[in-house]
C-alpha atoms as a PDB file:
ATOM      1  CA  UNK A   1     194.646-150.744 -73.843  1.00  0.00           C
ATOM      2  CA  UNK A   2     193.413-148.698 -70.887  1.00  0.00           C
ATOM      3  CA  UNK A   3     195.610-148.611 -67.809  1.00  0.00           C
ATOM      4  CA  UNK A   4     195.338-147.675 -64.156  1.00  0.00           C
ATOM      5  CA  UNK A   5     192.208-146.104 -62.704  1.00  0.00           C
ATOM      6  CA  UNK A   6     190.336-145.743 -66.027  1.00  0.00           C
ATOM      7  CA  UNK A   7     190.837-149.394 -66.820  1.00  0.00           C
ATOM      8  CA  UNK A   8     189.436-150.396 -63.449  1.00  0.00           C
ATOM      9  CA  UNK A   9     186.371-148.168 -63.808  1.00  0.00           C
ATOM     10  CA  UNK A  10     185.720-149.433 -67.330  1.00  0.00           C
ATOM     11  CA  UNK A  11     186.097-153.043 -66.259  1.00  0.00           C
ATOM     12  CA  UNK A  12     183.648-152.551 -63.419  1.00  0.00           C
ATOM     13  CA  UNK A  13     181.146-150.868 -65.723  1.00  0.00           C
ATOM     14  CA  UNK A  14     181.352-153.714 -68.236  1.00  0.00           C
ATOM     15  CA  UNK A  15     181.101-156.493 -65.676  1.00  0.00           C
ATOM     16  CA  UNK A  16     178.451-155.140 -63.299  1.00  0.00           C
ATOM     17  CA  UNK A  17     174.825-156.234 -63.954  1.00  0.00           C
ATOM     18  CA  UNK A  18     173.238-152.846 -63.200  1.00  0.00           C
ATOM     19  CA  UNK A  19     170.120-153.413 -65.350  1.00  0.00           C
ATOM     20  CA  UNK A  20     167.590-153.373 -62.519  1.00  0.00           C
ATOM     21  CA  UNK A  21     167.886-157.047 -61.599  1.00  0.00           C
ATOM     22  CA  UNK A  22     168.200-158.172 -58.012  1.00  0.00           C
ATOM     23  CA  UNK A  23     171.434-160.099 -58.538  1.00  0.00           C
ATOM     24  CA  UNK A  24     174.624-158.376 -57.438  1.00  0.00           C
ATOM     25  CA  UNK A  25     178.193-159.145 -58.537  1.00  0.00           C
ATOM     26  CA  UNK A  26     180.023-161.730 -56.464  1.00  0.00           C
ATOM     27  CA  UNK A  27     182.873-160.382 -54.384  1.00  0.00           C
ATOM     28  CA  UNK A  28     185.494-162.343 -56.321  1.00  0.00           C
ATOM     29  CA  UNK A  29     184.340-160.985 -59.707  1.00  0.00           C
ATOM     30  CA  UNK A  30     185.285-157.372 -58.975  1.00  0.00           C
ATOM     31  CA  UNK A  31     188.627-156.265 -60.475  1.00  0.00           C
ATOM     32  CA  UNK A  32     191.299-155.113 -58.059  1.00  0.00           C
ATOM     33  CA  UNK A  33     193.122-151.793 -58.299  1.00  0.00           C
ATOM     34  CA  UNK A  34     196.908-152.051 -58.252  1.00  0.00           C
ATOM     35  CA  UNK A  35     198.881-150.045 -55.737  1.00  0.00           C
ATOM     36  CA  UNK A  36     200.543-148.085 -58.550  1.00  0.00           C
ATOM     37  CA  UNK A  37     197.108-147.150 -59.948  1.00  0.00           C
ATOM     38  CA  UNK A  38     196.001-146.173 -56.457  1.00  0.00           C
ATOM     39  CA  UNK A  39     199.036-143.931 -55.966  1.00  0.00           C
ATOM     40  CA  UNK A  40     198.423-142.326 -59.354  1.00  0.00           C
ATOM     41  CA  UNK A  41     194.818-141.664 -58.349  1.00  0.00           C
ATOM     42  CA  UNK A  42     195.952-140.241 -55.005  1.00  0.00           C
ATOM     43  CA  UNK A  43     198.157-137.745 -56.841  1.00  0.00           C
ATOM     44  CA  UNK A  44     195.246-136.674 -59.044  1.00  0.00           C
ATOM     45  CA  UNK A  45     192.919-135.890 -56.134  1.00  0.00           C
ATOM     46  CA  UNK A  46     195.511-134.526 -53.679  1.00  0.00           C
ATOM     47  CA  UNK A  47     194.413-131.103 -52.379  1.00  0.00           C
ATOM     48  CA  UNK A  48     197.611-130.346 -50.441  1.00  0.00           C
ATOM     49  CA  UNK A  49     198.291-126.614 -50.637  1.00  0.00           C
ATOM     50  CA  UNK A  50     195.043-125.840 -52.457  1.00  0.00           C
ATOM     51  CA  UNK A  51     193.731-123.642 -49.641  1.00  0.00           C
ATOM     52  CA  UNK A  52     197.091-122.679 -48.202  1.00  0.00           C
ATOM     53  CA  UNK A  53     199.781-124.392 -46.169  1.00  0.00           C
ATOM     54  CA  UNK A  54     197.956-123.875 -42.856  1.00  0.00           C
ATOM     55  CA  UNK A  55     194.542-125.104 -43.983  1.00  0.00           C
ATOM     56  CA  UNK A  56     192.735-127.527 -41.655  1.00  0.00           C
ATOM     57  CA  UNK A  57     189.283-127.605 -43.261  1.00  0.00           C
ATOM     58  CA  UNK A  58     190.010-129.389 -46.521  1.00  0.00           C
ATOM     59  CA  UNK A  59     186.927-129.766 -48.714  1.00  0.00           C
ATOM     60  CA  UNK A  60     184.748-128.032 -46.124  1.00  0.00           C
ATOM     61  CA  UNK A  61     186.237-124.878 -47.682  1.00  0.00           C
ATOM     62  CA  UNK A  62     183.892-125.560 -50.595  1.00  0.00           C
ATOM     63  CA  UNK A  63     180.884-124.731 -48.413  1.00  0.00           C
ATOM     64  CA  UNK A  64     180.676-120.994 -48.974  1.00  0.00           C
ATOM     65  CA  UNK A  65     178.229-118.510 -47.415  1.00  0.00           C
ATOM     66  CA  UNK A  66     176.387-118.455 -50.742  1.00  0.00           C
ATOM     67  CA  UNK A  67     176.178-122.250 -50.651  1.00  0.00           C
ATOM     68  CA  UNK A  68     174.641-122.162 -47.164  1.00  0.00           C
ATOM     69  CA  UNK A  69     172.106-119.519 -48.192  1.00  0.00           C
ATOM     70  CA  UNK A  70     171.121-121.568 -51.219  1.00  0.00           C
ATOM     71  CA  UNK A  71     170.769-124.718 -49.132  1.00  0.00           C
ATOM     72  CA  UNK A  72     168.537-122.921 -46.636  1.00  0.00           C
ATOM     73  CA  UNK A  73     166.087-122.150 -49.464  1.00  0.00           C
ATOM     74  CA  UNK A  74     165.480-125.897 -49.860  1.00  0.00           C
ATOM     75  CA  UNK A  75     163.467-125.895 -46.626  1.00  0.00           C
ATOM     76  CA  UNK A  76     159.817-125.772 -47.684  1.00  0.00           C
ATOM     77  CA  UNK A  77     157.909-128.065 -45.341  1.00  0.00           C
ATOM     78  CA  UNK A  78     159.826-127.773 -42.072  1.00  0.00           C
ATOM     79  CA  UNK A  79     160.222-131.579 -41.927  1.00  0.00           C
ATOM     80  CA  UNK A  80     163.365-132.878 -40.208  1.00  0.00           C
ATOM     81  CA  UNK A  81     164.804-136.373 -40.594  1.00  0.00           C
ATOM     82  CA  UNK A  82     167.515-137.757 -38.334  1.00  0.00           C
ATOM     83  CA  UNK A  83     170.292-139.687 -40.081  1.00  0.00           C
ATOM     84  CA  UNK A  84     171.703-141.209 -36.906  1.00  0.00           C
ATOM     85  CA  UNK A  85     171.375-144.632 -35.371  1.00  0.00           C
ATOM     86  CA  UNK A  86     170.417-144.747 -31.698  1.00  0.00           C
ATOM     87  CA  UNK A  87     173.557-145.397 -29.668  1.00  0.00           C
ATOM     88  CA  UNK A  88     172.811-148.208 -27.234  1.00  0.00           C
ATOM     89  CA  UNK A  89     175.091-149.260 -24.378  1.00  0.00           C
ATOM     90  CA  UNK A  90     176.171-152.887 -24.212  1.00  0.00           C
ATOM     91  CA  UNK A  91     176.661-155.420 -26.954  1.00  0.00           C
ATOM     92  CA  UNK A  92     176.190-153.800 -30.366  1.00  0.00           C
ATOM     93  CA  UNK A  93     177.051-155.570 -33.634  1.00  0.00           C
ATOM     94  CA  UNK A  94     179.919-154.267 -35.789  1.00  0.00           C
ATOM     95  CA  UNK A  95     181.329-151.846 -33.219  1.00  0.00           C
ATOM     96  CA  UNK A  96     184.986-151.837 -32.212  1.00  0.00           C
ATOM     97  CA  UNK A  97     184.106-151.549 -28.542  1.00  0.00           C
ATOM     98  CA  UNK A  98     180.703-151.369 -26.814  1.00  0.00           C
ATOM     99  CA  UNK A  99     179.389-148.152 -25.347  1.00  0.00           C
ATOM    100  CA  UNK A 100     179.627-148.161 -21.550  1.00  0.00           C
ATOM    101  CA  UNK A 101     177.168-145.994 -19.637  1.00  0.00           C
ATOM    102  CA  UNK A 102     177.210-145.311 -15.908  1.00  0.00           C
ATOM    103  CA  UNK A 103     174.043-143.720 -14.538  1.00  0.00           C
ATOM    104  CA  UNK A 104     173.502-142.041 -11.189  1.00  0.00           C
ATOM    105  CA  UNK A 105     170.795-140.216  -9.259  1.00  0.00           C
ATOM    106  CA  UNK A 106     171.751-137.365  -6.955  1.00  0.00           C
ATOM    107  CA  UNK A 107     169.510-135.297  -4.704  1.00  0.00           C
ATOM    108  CA  UNK A 108     170.116-131.812  -3.312  1.00  0.00           C
ATOM    109  CA  UNK A 109     167.329-130.827  -0.960  1.00  0.00           C
ATOM    110  CA  UNK A 110     164.057-131.131  -2.877  1.00  0.00           C
ATOM    111  CA  UNK A 111     165.752-131.379  -6.297  1.00  0.00           C
ATOM    112  CA  UNK A 112     166.847-134.663  -7.844  1.00  0.00           C
ATOM    113  CA  UNK A 113     169.267-134.948 -10.769  1.00  0.00           C
ATOM    114  CA  UNK A 114     169.754-137.847 -13.180  1.00  0.00           C
ATOM    115  CA  UNK A 115     173.330-138.105 -14.455  1.00  0.00           C
ATOM    116  CA  UNK A 116     175.258-140.360 -16.798  1.00  0.00           C
ATOM    117  CA  UNK A 117     178.850-140.886 -17.861  1.00  0.00           C
ATOM    118  CA  UNK A 118     179.775-142.455 -21.212  1.00  0.00           C
ATOM    119  CA  UNK A 119     182.871-144.300 -22.392  1.00  0.00           C
ATOM    120  CA  UNK A 120     182.552-144.423 -26.150  1.00  0.00           C
ATOM    121  CA  UNK A 121     184.844-145.626 -28.909  1.00  0.00           C
ATOM    122  CA  UNK A 122     182.555-144.304 -31.628  1.00  0.00           C
ATOM    123  CA  UNK A 123     184.733-145.072 -34.669  1.00  0.00           C
ATOM    124  CA  UNK A 124     183.894-148.288 -36.472  1.00  0.00           C
ATOM    125  CA  UNK A 125     180.824-149.688 -38.193  1.00  0.00           C
ATOM    126  CA  UNK A 126     178.026-149.451 -35.642  1.00  0.00           C
ATOM    127  CA  UNK A 127     177.803-145.926 -34.216  1.00  0.00           C
ATOM    128  CA  UNK A 128     176.946-142.911 -36.367  1.00  0.00           C
ATOM    129  CA  UNK A 129     179.952-140.627 -36.362  1.00  0.00           C
ATOM    130  CA  UNK A 130     182.045-138.112 -38.275  1.00  0.00           C
ATOM    131  CA  UNK A 131     185.670-138.794 -39.179  1.00  0.00           C
ATOM    132  CA  UNK A 132     187.893-135.768 -38.783  1.00  0.00           C
ATOM    133  CA  UNK A 133     190.536-135.537 -41.512  1.00  0.00           C
ATOM    134  CA  UNK A 134     193.121-136.418 -38.867  1.00  0.00           C
ATOM    135  CA  UNK A 135     191.624-139.922 -38.669  1.00  0.00           C
ATOM    136  CA  UNK A 136     193.881-141.480 -41.318  1.00  0.00           C
ATOM    137  CA  UNK A 137     197.448-141.277 -42.590  1.00  0.00           C
ATOM    138  CA  UNK A 138     199.091-142.655 -45.737  1.00  0.00           C
ATOM    139  CA  UNK A 139     202.829-143.061 -46.338  1.00  0.00           C
ATOM    140  CA  UNK A 140     203.646-141.099 -43.191  1.00  0.00           C
ATOM    141  CA  UNK A 141     201.566-138.004 -43.942  1.00  0.00           C
ATOM    142  CA  UNK A 142     198.105-136.656 -43.322  1.00  0.00           C
ATOM    143  CA  UNK A 143     196.137-134.080 -45.299  1.00  0.00           C
ATOM    144  CA  UNK A 144     198.038-130.981 -46.428  1.00  0.00           C
ATOM    145  CA  UNK A 145     201.445-132.376 -45.538  1.00  0.00           C
ATOM    146  CA  UNK A 146     200.781-132.724 -41.807  1.00  0.00           C
ATOM    147  CA  UNK A 147     203.155-135.306 -40.343  1.00  0.00           C
ATOM    148  CA  UNK A 148     202.604-138.058 -37.831  1.00  0.00           C
ATOM    149  CA  UNK A 149     204.578-136.041 -35.273  1.00  0.00           C
ATOM    150  CA  UNK A 150     201.559-133.727 -34.973  1.00  0.00           C
ATOM    151  CA  UNK A 151     199.233-136.615 -34.085  1.00  0.00           C
ATOM    152  CA  UNK A 152     200.121-138.321 -30.813  1.00  0.00           C
ATOM    153  CA  UNK A 153     198.418-140.667 -28.400  1.00  0.00           C
ATOM    154  CA  UNK A 154     199.136-138.238 -25.570  1.00  0.00           C
ATOM    155  CA  UNK A 155     197.849-135.034 -27.172  1.00  0.00           C
ATOM    156  CA  UNK A 156     195.621-136.240 -30.005  1.00  0.00           C
ATOM    157  CA  UNK A 157     195.440-134.395 -33.312  1.00  0.00           C
ATOM    158  CA  UNK A 158     197.188-131.087 -32.707  1.00  0.00           C
ATOM    159  CA  UNK A 159     196.433-130.385 -36.379  1.00  0.00           C
ATOM    160  CA  UNK A 160     193.338-131.345 -38.397  1.00  0.00           C
ATOM    161  CA  UNK A 161     191.301-132.286 -35.310  1.00  0.00           C
ATOM    162  CA  UNK A 162     187.513-132.341 -35.197  1.00  0.00           C
ATOM    163  CA  UNK A 163     187.593-128.982 -33.398  1.00  0.00           C
ATOM    164  CA  UNK A 164     188.625-127.403 -36.719  1.00  0.00           C
ATOM    165  CA  UNK A 165     185.031-128.053 -37.841  1.00  0.00           C
ATOM    166  CA  UNK A 166     183.493-126.380 -34.780  1.00  0.00           C
ATOM    167  CA  UNK A 167     181.433-123.979 -36.918  1.00  0.00           C
ATOM    168  CA  UNK A 168     179.393-126.976 -38.055  1.00  0.00           C
ATOM    169  CA  UNK A 169     178.409-128.136 -41.512  1.00  0.00           C
ATOM    170  CA  UNK A 170     175.416-126.427 -43.097  1.00  0.00           C
ATOM    171  CA  UNK A 171     174.993-127.091 -46.801  1.00  0.00           C
ATOM    172  CA  UNK A 172     172.986-128.939 -49.422  1.00  0.00           C
ATOM    173  CA  UNK A 173     172.757-132.674 -48.858  1.00  0.00           C
ATOM    174  CA  UNK A 174     172.123-135.029 -51.774  1.00  0.00           C
ATOM    175  CA  UNK A 175     170.919-138.607 -51.333  1.00  0.00           C
ATOM    176  CA  UNK A 176     171.933-141.222 -53.891  1.00  0.00           C
ATOM    177  CA  UNK A 177     169.674-144.202 -53.249  1.00  0.00           C
ATOM    178  CA  UNK A 178     171.510-146.934 -55.138  1.00  0.00           C
ATOM    179  CA  UNK A 179     169.039-149.763 -54.318  1.00  0.00           C
ATOM    180  CA  UNK A 180     166.183-147.624 -55.637  1.00  0.00           C
ATOM    181  CA  UNK A 181     168.218-146.944 -58.773  1.00  0.00           C
ATOM    182  CA  UNK A 182     168.638-150.663 -59.357  1.00  0.00           C
ATOM    183  CA  UNK A 183     165.088-151.646 -58.407  1.00  0.00           C
ATOM    184  CA  UNK A 184     166.064-153.682 -55.341  1.00  0.00           C
ATOM    185  CA  UNK A 185     165.381-153.172 -51.602  1.00  0.00           C
ATOM    186  CA  UNK A 186     169.088-153.265 -50.749  1.00  0.00           C
ATOM    187  CA  UNK A 187     172.449-154.053 -52.292  1.00  0.00           C
ATOM    188  CA  UNK A 188     173.985-157.407 -51.566  1.00  0.00           C
ATOM    189  CA  UNK A 189     177.303-157.411 -49.682  1.00  0.00           C
ATOM    190  CA  UNK A 190     180.226-157.088 -52.062  1.00  0.00           C
ATOM    191  CA  UNK A 191     178.397-154.927 -54.612  1.00  0.00           C
ATOM    192  CA  UNK A 192     180.430-152.061 -56.014  1.00  0.00           C
ATOM    193  CA  UNK A 193     179.215-148.503 -56.597  1.00  0.00           C
ATOM    194  CA  UNK A 194     180.875-146.520 -59.386  1.00  0.00           C
ATOM    195  CA  UNK A 195     180.745-143.154 -61.097  1.00  0.00           C
ATOM    196  CA  UNK A 196     178.429-144.777 -63.651  1.00  0.00           C
ATOM    197  CA  UNK A 197     175.890-145.242 -60.852  1.00  0.00           C
ATOM    198  CA  UNK A 198     176.208-141.564 -59.946  1.00  0.00           C
ATOM    199  CA  UNK A 199     175.534-140.609 -63.572  1.00  0.00           C
ATOM    200  CA  UNK A 200     172.551-142.960 -63.785  1.00  0.00           C
ATOM    201  CA  UNK A 201     171.064-141.513 -60.581  1.00  0.00           C
ATOM    202  CA  UNK A 202     171.465-137.964 -61.834  1.00  0.00           C
ATOM    203  CA  UNK A 203     169.764-138.910 -65.090  1.00  0.00           C
ATOM    204  CA  UNK A 204     166.910-140.698 -63.310  1.00  0.00           C
ATOM    205  CA  UNK A 205     166.213-137.974 -60.739  1.00  0.00           C
ATOM    206  CA  UNK A 206     167.309-134.811 -62.517  1.00  0.00           C
ATOM    207  CA  UNK A 207     169.583-133.928 -59.600  1.00  0.00           C
ATOM    208  CA  UNK A 208     173.135-132.705 -60.241  1.00  0.00           C
ATOM    209  CA  UNK A 209     175.812-132.998 -57.563  1.00  0.00           C
ATOM    210  CA  UNK A 210     177.528-129.638 -57.173  1.00  0.00           C
ATOM    211  CA  UNK A 211     180.470-128.062 -55.399  1.00  0.00           C
ATOM    212  CA  UNK A 212     179.985-127.914 -51.632  1.00  0.00           C
ATOM    213  CA  UNK A 213     177.349-130.662 -51.496  1.00  0.00           C
ATOM    214  CA  UNK A 214     177.431-133.391 -48.862  1.00  0.00           C
ATOM    215  CA  UNK A 215     176.896-136.652 -50.730  1.00  0.00           C
ATOM    216  CA  UNK A 216     175.020-139.461 -48.964  1.00  0.00           C
ATOM    217  CA  UNK A 217     175.123-142.896 -50.607  1.00  0.00           C
ATOM    218  CA  UNK A 218     172.578-145.479 -49.467  1.00  0.00           C
ATOM    219  CA  UNK A 219     173.397-149.173 -49.881  1.00  0.00           C
ATOM    220  CA  UNK A 220     170.360-150.337 -47.869  1.00  0.00           C
ATOM    221  CA  UNK A 221     172.481-151.904 -45.165  1.00  0.00           C
ATOM    222  CA  UNK A 222     169.881-151.462 -42.432  1.00  0.00           C
ATOM    223  CA  UNK A 223     167.020-152.693 -44.644  1.00  0.00           C
ATOM    224  CA  UNK A 224     169.014-155.845 -45.372  1.00  0.00           C
ATOM    225  CA  UNK A 225     169.860-156.293 -41.700  1.00  0.00           C
ATOM    226  CA  UNK A 226     166.169-155.973 -40.798  1.00  0.00           C
ATOM    227  CA  UNK A 227     165.217-158.558 -43.415  1.00  0.00           C
ATOM    228  CA  UNK A 228     168.039-161.072 -43.039  1.00  0.00           C
ATOM    229  CA  UNK A 229     169.814-160.318 -39.767  1.00  0.00           C
ATOM    230  CA  UNK A 230     173.165-158.924 -38.740  1.00  0.00           C
ATOM    231  CA  UNK A 231     176.342-159.824 -40.594  1.00  0.00           C
ATOM    232  CA  UNK A 232     179.973-158.759 -40.201  1.00  0.00           C
ATOM    233  CA  UNK A 233     180.244-155.763 -42.529  1.00  0.00           C
ATOM    234  CA  UNK A 234     184.000-155.627 -42.020  1.00  0.00           C
ATOM    235  CA  UNK A 235     184.287-158.881 -43.977  1.00  0.00           C
ATOM    236  CA  UNK A 236     181.922-158.056 -46.858  1.00  0.00           C
ATOM    237  CA  UNK A 237     179.812-155.001 -47.609  1.00  0.00           C
ATOM    238  CA  UNK A 238     178.564-152.997 -50.554  1.00  0.00           C
ATOM    239  CA  UNK A 239     180.270-149.676 -51.127  1.00  0.00           C
ATOM    240  CA  UNK A 240     182.007-147.308 -53.538  1.00  0.00           C
ATOM    241  CA  UNK A 241     184.911-148.350 -55.710  1.00  0.00           C
ATOM    242  CA  UNK A 242     188.061-146.356 -54.769  1.00  0.00           C
ATOM    243  CA  UNK A 243     188.026-144.787 -58.232  1.00  0.00           C
ATOM    244  CA  UNK A 244     184.904-142.843 -57.224  1.00  0.00           C
ATOM    245  CA  UNK A 245     187.367-140.437 -55.580  1.00  0.00           C
ATOM    246  CA  UNK A 246     188.109-138.916 -58.974  1.00  0.00           C
ATOM    247  CA  UNK A 247     184.402-138.128 -59.501  1.00  0.00           C
ATOM    248  CA  UNK A 248     184.054-136.741 -55.968  1.00  0.00           C
ATOM    249  CA  UNK A 249     187.060-134.512 -56.554  1.00  0.00           C
ATOM    250  CA  UNK A 250     185.813-133.287 -59.922  1.00  0.00           C
ATOM    251  CA  UNK A 251     182.363-132.446 -58.530  1.00  0.00           C
ATOM    252  CA  UNK A 252     183.714-130.671 -55.457  1.00  0.00           C
ATOM    253  CA  UNK A 253     181.889-132.812 -52.900  1.00  0.00           C
ATOM    254  CA  UNK A 254     182.520-131.405 -49.422  1.00  0.00           C
ATOM    255  CA  UNK A 255     181.878-134.554 -47.362  1.00  0.00           C
ATOM    256  CA  UNK A 256     180.773-138.140 -47.965  1.00  0.00           C
ATOM    257  CA  UNK A 257     178.338-140.153 -45.867  1.00  0.00           C
ATOM    258  CA  UNK A 258     177.488-143.844 -45.955  1.00  0.00           C
ATOM    259  CA  UNK A 259     175.383-146.385 -44.091  1.00  0.00           C
ATOM    260  CA  UNK A 260     178.455-148.605 -43.639  1.00  0.00           C
ATOM    261  CA  UNK A 261     181.692-146.651 -44.018  1.00  0.00           C
ATOM    262  CA  UNK A 262     181.718-145.580 -47.676  1.00  0.00           C
ATOM    263  CA  UNK A 263     183.992-148.513 -48.459  1.00  0.00           C
ATOM    264  CA  UNK A 264     183.481-151.730 -50.360  1.00  0.00           C
ATOM    265  CA  UNK A 265     184.646-154.733 -48.366  1.00  0.00           C
ATOM    266  CA  UNK A 266     186.776-156.722 -49.023  1.00  0.00           C
ATOM    267  CA  UNK A 267     188.980-153.818 -50.051  1.00  0.00           C
ATOM    268  CA  UNK A 268     189.963-153.568 -53.690  1.00  0.00           C
ATOM    269  CA  UNK A 269     193.526-152.286 -53.189  1.00  0.00           C
ATOM    270  CA  UNK A 270     196.152-154.735 -51.868  1.00  0.00           C
ATOM    271  CA  UNK A 271     197.463-153.780 -48.428  1.00  0.00           C
ATOM    272  CA  UNK A 272     194.816-151.127 -47.743  1.00  0.00           C
ATOM    273  CA  UNK A 273     191.745-151.948 -45.691  1.00  0.00           C
ATOM    274  CA  UNK A 274     189.928-148.663 -46.450  1.00  0.00           C
ATOM    275  CA  UNK A 275     191.354-147.135 -49.619  1.00  0.00           C
ATOM    276  CA  UNK A 276     188.650-144.506 -50.164  1.00  0.00           C
ATOM    277  CA  UNK A 277     189.331-143.178 -46.673  1.00  0.00           C
ATOM    278  CA  UNK A 278     192.978-142.708 -47.615  1.00  0.00           C
ATOM    279  CA  UNK A 279     192.085-140.925 -50.845  1.00  0.00           C
ATOM    280  CA  UNK A 280     189.469-138.696 -49.219  1.00  0.00           C
ATOM    281  CA  UNK A 281     190.704-137.977 -45.696  1.00  0.00           C
ATOM    282  CA  UNK A 282     194.419-137.843 -46.506  1.00  0.00           C
ATOM    283  CA  UNK A 283     194.426-136.722 -50.125  1.00  0.00           C
ATOM    284  CA  UNK A 284     191.414-134.441 -50.477  1.00  0.00           C
ATOM    285  CA  UNK A 285     190.902-133.470 -46.854  1.00  0.00           C
ATOM    286  CA  UNK A 286     187.313-134.698 -47.140  1.00  0.00           C
ATOM    287  CA  UNK A 287     185.588-135.755 -43.888  1.00  0.00           C
ATOM    288  CA  UNK A 288     183.417-138.862 -43.768  1.00  0.00           C
ATOM    289  CA  UNK A 289     180.177-139.699 -42.000  1.00  0.00           C
ATOM    290  CA  UNK A 290     180.032-143.402 -41.201  1.00  0.00           C
ATOM    291  CA  UNK A 291     177.269-145.783 -40.083  1.00  0.00           C
ATOM    292  CA  UNK A 292     174.477-143.318 -40.808  1.00  0.00           C
ATOM    293  CA  UNK A 293     170.872-144.451 -41.196  1.00  0.00           C
ATOM    294  CA  UNK A 294     169.217-143.463 -44.481  1.00  0.00           C
ATOM    295  CA  UNK A 295     166.071-145.581 -44.234  1.00  0.00           C
ATOM    296  CA  UNK A 296     163.746-142.799 -43.048  1.00  0.00           C
ATOM    297  CA  UNK A 297     165.472-140.322 -45.339  1.00  0.00           C
ATOM    298  CA  UNK A 298     164.943-142.582 -48.358  1.00  0.00           C
ATOM    299  CA  UNK A 299     161.222-142.843 -47.615  1.00  0.00           C
ATOM    300  CA  UNK A 300     160.719-139.119 -47.089  1.00  0.00           C
ATOM    301  CA  UNK A 301     162.789-138.168 -50.138  1.00  0.00           C
ATOM    302  CA  UNK A 302     160.874-140.644 -52.326  1.00  0.00           C
ATOM    303  CA  UNK A 303     157.510-139.440 -51.061  1.00  0.00           C
ATOM    304  CA  UNK A 304     158.438-135.881 -51.996  1.00  0.00           C
ATOM    305  CA  UNK A 305     160.500-136.778 -55.097  1.00  0.00           C
ATOM    306  CA  UNK A 306     163.142-134.469 -53.655  1.00  0.00           C
ATOM    307  CA  UNK A 307     166.669-135.819 -53.338  1.00  0.00           C
ATOM    308  CA  UNK A 308     168.297-132.587 -52.173  1.00  0.00           C
ATOM    309  CA  UNK A 309     167.706-130.918 -48.808  1.00  0.00           C
ATOM    310  CA  UNK A 310     169.323-128.778 -46.153  1.00  0.00           C
ATOM    311  CA  UNK A 311     171.966-130.823 -44.337  1.00  0.00           C
ATOM    312  CA  UNK A 312     172.993-129.715 -40.841  1.00  0.00           C
ATOM    313  CA  UNK A 313     175.409-131.286 -38.384  1.00  0.00           C
ATOM    314  CA  UNK A 314     177.490-129.937 -35.489  1.00  0.00           C
ATOM    315  CA  UNK A 315     180.215-132.296 -34.280  1.00  0.00           C
ATOM    316  CA  UNK A 316     181.252-132.149 -30.652  1.00  0.00           C
ATOM    317  CA  UNK A 317     184.034-129.609 -30.212  1.00  0.00           C
ATOM    318  CA  UNK A 318     186.522-131.995 -28.641  1.00  0.00           C
ATOM    319  CA  UNK A 319     190.010-130.523 -28.629  1.00  0.00           C
ATOM    320  CA  UNK A 320     192.337-132.489 -30.938  1.00  0.00           C
ATOM    321  CA  UNK A 321     189.726-135.190 -31.515  1.00  0.00           C
ATOM    322  CA  UNK A 322     189.846-137.634 -34.432  1.00  0.00           C
ATOM    323  CA  UNK A 323     186.082-137.476 -34.887  1.00  0.00           C
ATOM    324  CA  UNK A 324     182.778-137.151 -33.102  1.00  0.00           C
ATOM    325  CA  UNK A 325     179.472-138.936 -32.593  1.00  0.00           C
ATOM    326  CA  UNK A 326     176.886-137.045 -34.631  1.00  0.00           C
ATOM    327  CA  UNK A 327     173.173-136.768 -35.323  1.00  0.00           C
ATOM    328  CA  UNK A 328     172.984-135.199 -38.795  1.00  0.00           C
ATOM    329  CA  UNK A 329     169.662-133.734 -39.889  1.00  0.00           C
ATOM    330  CA  UNK A 330     168.087-133.548 -43.310  1.00  0.00           C
ATOM    331  CA  UNK A 331     165.556-130.702 -43.435  1.00  0.00           C
ATOM    332  CA  UNK A 332     162.914-130.526 -46.175  1.00  0.00           C
END
């Protein structure tokens, strides 16, 4: 009998109706992962010490100069696609706190200046942002053995902050359009994405996810919201099974992006609201891009039958920050 992570992945593969039909598995039908299986998986993907005791980049180390040069060669048409939602002040669904904007107009002689000040809790499920690897902790530690003492409310993340990524991320991006794979416009909330889906996408498209790639997984969240209206994604949403971490680790993915938060809700590990975040941010040192918008990207990629492109993003260099609002670009 299979045990632990492999048993969970196998059970999901056997139970999930991935044969191109519109129906998606009900939330209650998805097998849970035990905490002991989760901890075993965490140990398998843990990158602590891999790039030295002082490392603060984690899987971004996998983006080498050669990788950047190769990614730049993917630009053939000069077409850019934004992967960011427009950040609107005021009431916004699925955000932790609304964006507050204060605008002013100031004149000096014959010149007039338009100014604004923003108060922005960008983490959550509504604003497009990047999670620094200081964003999460598990069992009292962060990536690479950093302790909670180095992350304080007063000073922020004195280790592993977003400023560690100030050189930006320039690499090959790969889109995995799961709804397109399954022949549906969007996944239903509660659907689970597994390594089997990654394999099926690679077979269908001929793409192969490689070391240093940024992986972008579309669930069709925004297409569903446009068709059926807003729902609370924190209660139920399609997303990867935690066991996908093993595949991400084996392939050497440098960062993961999703149109929700790269999590399946409700969570599949008891006591953890966002288990893949713990495995990636804390274990692998892999940053996340949350609440991105892949609708335009999916259309452009399909029209060109090209699922790989140059991916470029420069987070704000905020000292000791736990993340940053971002506007990632896919360049074809």
